[in-house]
C-alpha atoms as a PDB file:
ATOM      1  CA  MET A   1     226.420  -1.607  31.460  1.00  0.00           C
ATOM      2  CA  ALA A   2     226.248  -1.969  35.256  1.00  0.00           C
ATOM      3  CA  ALA A   3     229.707  -3.584  35.277  1.00  0.00           C
ATOM      4  CA  GLY A   4     231.166  -0.670  33.287  1.00  0.00           C
ATOM      5  CA  ILE A   5     229.668   1.870  35.698  1.00  0.00           C
ATOM      6  CA  GLU A   6     231.167  -0.029  38.667  1.00  0.00           C
ATOM      7  CA  VAL A   7     234.644   0.150  37.123  1.00  0.00           C
ATOM      8  CA  ILE A   8     234.241   3.907  36.569  1.00  0.00           C
ATOM      9  CA  ASN A   9     233.278   4.330  40.239  1.00  0.00           C
ATOM     10  CA  ILE A  10     236.293   2.281  41.409  1.00  0.00           C
ATOM     11  CA  HIS A  11     238.842   4.316  39.418  1.00  0.00           C
ATOM     12  CA  PRO A  12     239.456   7.840  40.782  1.00  0.00           C
ATOM     13  CA  ALA A  13     238.643  10.891  38.662  1.00  0.00           C
ATOM     14  CA  LEU A  14     241.693  12.203  36.806  1.00  0.00           C
ATOM     15  CA  PRO A  15     242.874  15.710  37.776  1.00  0.00           C
ATOM     16  CA  GLY A  16     241.863  18.349  35.237  1.00  0.00           C
END
Protein backbone atom coordinates (compact mmCIF):
# COMPACT_ATOMS: atom_id res chain seq x y z
CA MET A 1 0.00 0.00 0.00
CA ALA A 2 2.80 2.43 0.92
CA ALA A 3 4.34 1.99 -2.55
CA GLY A 4 1.00 2.82 -4.22
CA ILE A 5 0.61 5.98 -2.12
CA GLU A 6 4.15 7.08 -3.09
CA VAL A 7 3.32 6.75 -6.80
CA ILE A 8 0.15 8.83 -6.31
CA ASN A 9 2.21 11.55 -4.60
CA ILE A 10 4.80 11.55 -7.42
CA HIS A 11 2.21 11.99 -10.20
CA PRO A 12 0.61 15.46 -10.33
CA ALA A 13 -3.14 15.86 -9.80
CA LEU A 14 -5.05 16.00 -13.08
CA PRO A 15 -6.86 19.28 -13.85
CA GLY A 16 -10.60 19.07 -13.23
